[in-house]
Amino acid sequence: MKKLQIIAIITSLFFLQACVHKLVTVPIKVAYKTTKGIAKGTVAVGKAIIPGDSDDDKKDD
């Protein structure tokens, strides 16, 4: 009877491993995408506000 309980526990651990993996990776992916989007937006706003050197405007001297 003890062997059956041990086998059941080990089997349930393997099934729960996939759930734990999802619980850990999904929030990390969401946080990464959100941070990446905020960083891109900050760079775009910074380029729009700061006057000066621009690749689009070429000066002919």
Protein backbone atom coordinates (compact mmCIF):
# COMPACT_ATOMS: atom_id res chain seq x y z
CA MET A 1 0.00 0.00 0.00
CA LYS A 2 2.91 2.35 0.71
CA LYS A 3 4.29 1.83 -2.80
CA LEU A 4 0.97 2.84 -4.33
CA GLN A 5 0.89 6.06 -2.31
CA ILE A 6 4.46 6.93 -3.29
CA ILE A 7 3.71 6.28 -6.95
CA ALA A 8 0.59 8.45 -6.73
CA ILE A 9 2.54 11.29 -5.13
CA ILE A 10 5.31 11.14 -7.74
CA THR A 11 2.76 11.05 -10.57
CA SER A 12 0.90 14.05 -9.19
CA LEU A 13 4.18 15.96 -8.85
CA PHE A 14 4.86 15.47 -12.56
CA PHE A 15 1.38 16.76 -13.44
CA LEU A 16 1.72 19.76 -11.13
CA GLN A 17 5.11 20.62 -12.58
CA ALA A 18 3.47 21.86 -15.79
CA CYS A 19 1.04 24.03 -13.80
CA VAL A 20 3.82 25.58 -11.76
CA HIS A 21 5.76 26.26 -14.96
CA LYS A 22 2.77 28.14 -16.40
CA LEU A 23 2.21 30.10 -13.19
CA VAL A 24 5.81 31.28 -13.24
CA THR A 25 6.40 31.98 -16.92
CA VAL A 26 3.13 33.72 -17.90
CA PRO A 27 3.47 36.69 -15.48
CA ILE A 28 7.14 37.08 -16.44
CA LYS A 29 6.25 37.22 -20.14
CA VAL A 30 3.52 39.81 -19.49
CA ALA A 31 5.87 41.94 -17.40
CA TYR A 32 8.57 41.74 -20.09
CA LYS A 33 6.22 42.78 -22.89
CA THR A 34 4.81 45.64 -20.82
CA THR A 35 8.25 46.93 -19.89
CA LYS A 36 9.42 46.64 -23.49
CA GLY A 37 6.42 48.65 -24.70
CA ILE A 38 6.96 51.36 -22.08
CA ALA A 39 10.64 51.64 -22.97
CA LYS A 40 9.86 51.98 -26.68
CA GLY A 41 7.26 54.65 -25.94
CA THR A 42 9.69 56.57 -23.73
CA VAL A 43 12.35 56.53 -26.44
CA ALA A 44 9.85 57.73 -29.06
CA VAL A 45 8.66 60.59 -26.84
CA GLY A 46 12.24 61.52 -26.03
CA LYS A 47 13.14 61.69 -29.70
CA ALA A 48 10.08 63.81 -30.44
CA ILE A 49 10.65 66.31 -27.62
CA ILE A 50 14.42 66.76 -27.70
CA PRO A 51 15.40 69.13 -30.49
CA GLY A 52 18.63 68.69 -32.34
CA ASP A 53 20.21 66.01 -34.42
CA SER A 54 17.80 64.07 -36.58
CA ASP A 55 18.43 61.43 -39.20
CA ASP A 56 15.39 62.53 -41.20
CA ASP A 57 16.60 66.10 -41.75
CA LYS A 58 19.79 66.26 -43.76
CA LYS A 59 21.48 69.63 -43.86
CA ASP A 60 23.05 70.74 -47.10
CA ASP A 61 26.04 72.96 -46.33
